[in-house]
Protein backbone atom coordinates (compact mmCIF):
# COMPACT_ATOMS: atom_id res chain seq x y z
CA UNK A 1 153.93 114.25 259.16
CA UNK A 2 152.44 114.21 255.64
CA UNK A 3 149.62 116.62 254.84
CA UNK A 4 147.58 116.02 251.66
CA UNK A 5 145.85 118.47 249.38
CA UNK A 6 143.18 117.43 246.86
CA UNK A 7 145.26 116.08 243.96
CA UNK A 8 143.94 115.23 240.49
CA UNK A 9 145.29 112.29 238.50
CA UNK A 10 147.56 114.69 236.59
CA UNK A 11 148.96 116.54 239.60
CA UNK A 12 151.61 115.31 241.99
CA UNK A 13 152.00 118.05 244.53
CA UNK A 14 154.34 117.37 247.39
CA UNK A 15 153.33 119.16 250.58
CA UNK A 16 155.36 117.68 253.41
CA UNK A 17 155.98 118.93 256.92
CA UNK A 18 159.67 118.62 257.61
CA UNK A 19 161.14 120.21 260.69
CA UNK A 20 158.22 122.61 260.81
CA UNK A 21 158.47 123.57 257.11
CA UNK A 22 156.29 122.62 254.13
CA UNK A 23 157.84 121.54 250.81
CA UNK A 24 156.48 122.26 247.33
CA UNK A 25 157.96 120.59 244.24
CA UNK A 26 157.08 120.80 240.56
CA UNK A 27 154.79 117.85 239.67
CA UNK A 28 156.84 115.26 237.77
CA UNK A 29 153.86 114.16 235.63
CA UNK A 30 152.66 117.66 234.80
CA UNK A 31 151.27 117.51 231.28
CA UNK A 32 148.82 119.53 229.26
CA UNK A 33 145.25 118.37 228.84
CA UNK A 34 144.94 119.32 225.17
CA UNK A 35 147.58 119.94 222.51
CA UNK A 36 147.82 123.53 221.34
CA UNK A 37 146.13 124.95 224.45
CA UNK A 38 147.07 126.25 227.90
CA UNK A 39 144.78 123.75 229.67
CA UNK A 40 146.41 122.57 232.93
CA UNK A 41 148.73 125.58 232.94
CA UNK A 42 148.83 126.66 235.68
CA UNK A 43 148.51 123.59 237.87
CA UNK A 44 145.76 124.17 240.40
CA UNK A 45 145.55 122.83 243.93
CA UNK A 46 142.26 123.24 245.80
CA UNK A 47 141.11 125.49 242.93
CA UNK A 48 144.12 127.77 243.40
CA UNK A 49 147.07 128.00 240.96
CA UNK A 50 150.38 126.72 242.33
CA UNK A 51 152.89 126.38 239.44
CA UNK A 52 152.89 128.08 236.04
CA UNK A 53 154.98 127.98 232.85
CA UNK A 54 155.27 131.33 231.00
CA UNK A 55 156.92 132.83 227.99
CA UNK A 56 158.12 136.42 228.49
CA UNK A 57 157.35 138.34 225.30
CA UNK A 58 158.84 140.77 224.53
CA UNK A 59 161.67 139.34 226.62
CA UNK A 60 161.76 141.93 229.41
CA UNK A 61 161.60 139.95 232.68
CA UNK A 62 160.60 143.08 234.64
CA UNK A 63 157.54 143.86 232.52
CA UNK A 64 154.63 142.15 234.25
CA UNK A 65 152.46 142.42 231.13
CA UNK A 66 155.01 140.43 229.08
CA UNK A 67 154.30 137.15 230.92
CA UNK A 68 152.11 134.87 228.79
CA UNK A 69 150.99 131.27 229.38
CA UNK A 70 152.83 128.57 227.46
CA UNK A 71 150.90 126.00 225.44
CA UNK A 72 151.22 122.21 225.45
CA UNK A 73 152.55 120.76 222.18
CA UNK A 74 152.10 117.10 223.08
CA UNK A 75 155.49 116.62 224.70
CA UNK A 76 156.56 119.92 226.24
CA UNK A 77 155.38 123.44 226.95
CA UNK A 78 156.20 126.03 224.28
CA UNK A 79 155.81 129.75 223.72
CA UNK A 80 153.70 131.21 220.95
CA UNK A 81 156.55 133.46 219.77
CA UNK A 82 159.08 130.76 218.90
CA UNK A 83 162.34 130.52 217.03
CA UNK A 84 164.42 127.34 216.71
CA UNK A 85 162.48 125.52 219.41
CA UNK A 86 162.80 128.25 222.02
CA UNK A 87 161.32 129.09 224.42
CA UNK A 88 160.23 125.74 225.83
CA UNK A 89 159.96 123.96 229.18
CA UNK A 90 159.86 120.24 229.91
CA UNK A 91 160.13 117.96 232.94
CA UNK A 92 162.41 114.94 233.28
CA UNK A 93 162.20 113.33 236.70
CA UNK A 94 163.43 115.86 239.25
CA UNK A 95 164.66 118.28 236.55
CA UNK A 96 162.81 121.21 235.03
CA UNK A 97 164.44 122.00 231.67
CA UNK A 98 164.12 125.51 230.27
CA UNK A 99 165.33 126.19 226.73
CA UNK A 100 166.09 129.83 225.90
CA UNK A 101 167.93 132.00 223.43
CA UNK A 102 168.94 135.61 223.03
CA UNK A 103 167.96 137.94 220.22
CA UNK A 104 168.67 136.86 216.66
CA UNK A 105 169.10 138.83 213.47
CA UNK A 106 165.92 139.34 211.50
CA UNK A 107 162.44 140.65 212.27
CA UNK A 108 160.77 139.91 215.60
CA UNK A 109 163.62 137.54 216.51
CA UNK A 110 165.56 140.61 217.63
CA UNK A 111 162.95 141.51 220.27
CA UNK A 112 165.06 140.45 223.24
CA UNK A 113 165.13 136.73 222.54
CA UNK A 114 163.04 133.76 223.66
CA UNK A 115 162.67 133.67 227.40
CA UNK A 116 160.86 130.96 229.48
CA UNK A 117 159.88 131.32 233.12
CA UNK A 118 158.84 128.90 235.87
CA UNK A 119 156.48 130.57 238.35
CA UNK A 120 155.67 129.44 241.90
CA UNK A 121 152.53 131.02 243.38
CA UNK A 122 152.52 131.18 247.17
CA UNK A 123 149.45 129.42 248.64
CA UNK A 124 149.63 131.30 251.94
CA UNK A 125 151.49 134.03 253.76
CA UNK A 126 154.83 132.89 255.08
CA UNK A 127 158.59 132.94 254.76
CA UNK A 128 159.89 130.96 251.79
CA UNK A 129 163.26 129.56 250.75
CA UNK A 130 164.47 127.39 247.86
CA UNK A 131 166.58 124.28 247.41
CA UNK A 132 168.13 122.71 244.32
CA UNK A 133 170.73 123.60 241.71
CA UNK A 134 170.88 125.26 238.31
CA UNK A 135 173.26 124.58 235.43
CA UNK A 136 173.28 125.76 231.83
CA UNK A 137 174.43 124.08 228.63
CA UNK A 138 175.33 126.99 226.36
CA UNK A 139 175.13 125.21 223.03
CA UNK A 140 175.31 128.21 220.71
CA UNK A 141 177.58 131.19 221.26
CA UNK A 142 180.11 131.91 223.99
CA UNK A 143 178.41 134.57 226.13
CA UNK A 144 177.32 134.00 229.71
CA UNK A 145 173.66 133.44 230.57
CA UNK A 146 171.75 133.94 233.82
CA UNK A 147 168.95 132.58 235.95
CA UNK A 148 166.98 135.48 237.41
CA UNK A 149 164.96 135.12 240.62
CA UNK A 150 162.13 137.65 240.69
CA UNK A 151 159.39 138.34 243.21
CA UNK A 152 156.01 139.64 242.04
CA UNK A 153 153.70 141.36 244.47
CA UNK A 154 150.13 140.10 243.96
CA UNK A 155 148.54 143.37 245.08
CA UNK A 156 150.68 145.92 243.25
CA UNK A 157 151.93 143.80 240.34
CA UNK A 158 155.44 145.13 240.91
CA UNK A 159 158.42 142.92 240.08
CA UNK A 160 161.53 142.92 242.24
CA UNK A 161 164.93 141.38 241.49
CA UNK A 162 165.85 139.03 244.35
CA UNK A 163 168.87 137.09 243.07
CA UNK A 164 170.70 136.13 239.88
CA UNK A 165 173.00 133.24 238.99
CA UNK A 166 175.51 133.91 236.21
CA UNK A 167 176.31 130.72 234.32
CA UNK A 168 179.28 130.31 232.00
CA UNK A 169 180.24 127.96 229.21
CA UNK A 170 183.79 127.58 230.49
CA UNK A 171 183.38 126.11 233.99
CA UNK A 172 179.70 124.96 233.92
CA UNK A 173 179.58 125.39 237.69
CA UNK A 174 176.18 124.76 239.28
CA UNK A 175 174.38 127.54 241.10
CA UNK A 176 173.04 126.64 244.55
CA UNK A 177 169.45 127.84 244.92
CA UNK A 178 169.83 127.73 248.70
CA UNK A 179 171.76 131.00 248.29
CA UNK A 180 168.43 132.76 247.72
CA UNK A 181 167.74 134.61 250.95
CA UNK A 182 164.52 133.74 252.83
CA UNK A 183 161.73 136.04 251.70
CA UNK A 184 158.26 136.82 252.91
CA UNK A 185 155.49 136.04 250.43
CA UNK A 186 151.82 136.80 250.84
CA UNK A 187 149.17 134.50 249.39
CA UNK A 188 149.20 134.95 245.62
CA UNK A 189 152.68 136.48 245.46
CA UNK A 190 154.92 134.88 242.85
CA UNK A 191 158.49 133.61 242.95
CA UNK A 192 159.69 133.53 239.34
CA UNK A 193 162.66 131.62 237.89
CA UNK A 194 163.62 133.17 234.54
CA UNK A 195 166.02 131.56 232.04
CA UNK A 196 167.54 134.72 230.58
CA UNK A 197 169.98 134.99 227.67
CA UNK A 198 170.96 138.68 227.45
CA UNK A 199 173.36 138.40 224.47
CA UNK A 200 172.54 138.15 220.79
CA UNK A 201 173.16 134.89 218.90
CA UNK A 202 173.39 132.81 222.08
CA UNK A 203 171.24 129.82 223.08
CA UNK A 204 171.23 127.64 226.19
CA UNK A 205 169.43 124.86 228.01
CA UNK A 206 168.93 125.53 231.73
CA UNK A 207 168.53 122.61 234.13
CA UNK A 208 166.79 123.22 237.45
CA UNK A 209 167.51 120.04 239.41
CA UNK A 210 165.70 119.14 242.61
CA UNK A 211 163.91 122.48 242.82
CA UNK A 212 161.94 122.64 246.06
CA UNK A 213 160.27 125.63 247.68
CA UNK A 214 160.10 125.50 251.48
CA UNK A 215 157.61 127.46 253.55
CA UNK A 216 157.94 127.94 257.28
CA UNK A 217 160.76 128.23 259.74
CA UNK A 218 162.85 125.05 259.88
CA UNK A 219 164.11 124.24 263.33
CA UNK A 220 167.62 125.41 263.93
CA UNK A 221 170.18 122.63 264.11
CA UNK A 222 170.83 121.77 267.69
CA UNK A 223 174.46 122.00 268.83
CA UNK A 224 176.18 118.76 269.50
CA UNK A 225 176.36 117.76 273.15
CA UNK A 226 179.66 118.61 274.68
CA UNK A 227 181.71 115.85 276.20
CA UNK A 228 180.98 115.52 279.93
CA UNK A 229 183.50 117.25 282.15
CA UNK A 230 185.90 115.03 284.00
CA UNK A 231 185.14 114.55 287.67
CA UNK A 232 187.48 116.37 289.99
CA UNK A 233 190.13 114.10 291.40
């Protein structure tokens, strides 16, 4: 069964009932409304924000006051405090691409690096899970990077570490977002995906592929029917 929300011409929100669960995906045609502004960030559904692109500055993912809206530059979303093109976020089909770097020598570039974040804002109380994968192309430096999964409580503003995926240059193994344990979110609570580069002089492009947030309790897989017992001879 497909349930529709009010959707503007710039928003493609997927809200699908599948096995008793609803699915939310990042709109593939999400663009800004005016270059150099935050207009259309966050994306709103029924006058409520659903997805948001942030820069974390200074780059402390557990400082709620450090999250600041990214601005549209005509082709992608970018942070105000920028160095070398980071932080930025763009969308290519089913991929959300987050470009990040660690601290760099010289001035404000040493303030913990350039850190982008994708934020999902829960529309209603429920239990939520995630699907999709994450990979990282570490194109400068050799140090590992990480995708942090953080929950923000709408009432208290507190941030809580839920899961992290360490990504390496050597094996480039994908992280499975289904490993994030189901979590209860109240309406307005946030599930935050942070592209974090903790080491100096390191830069990476994170690819979130097929990211989908599921709300509700999917039906448990039914066991296969056992073969009928042989009739007694």
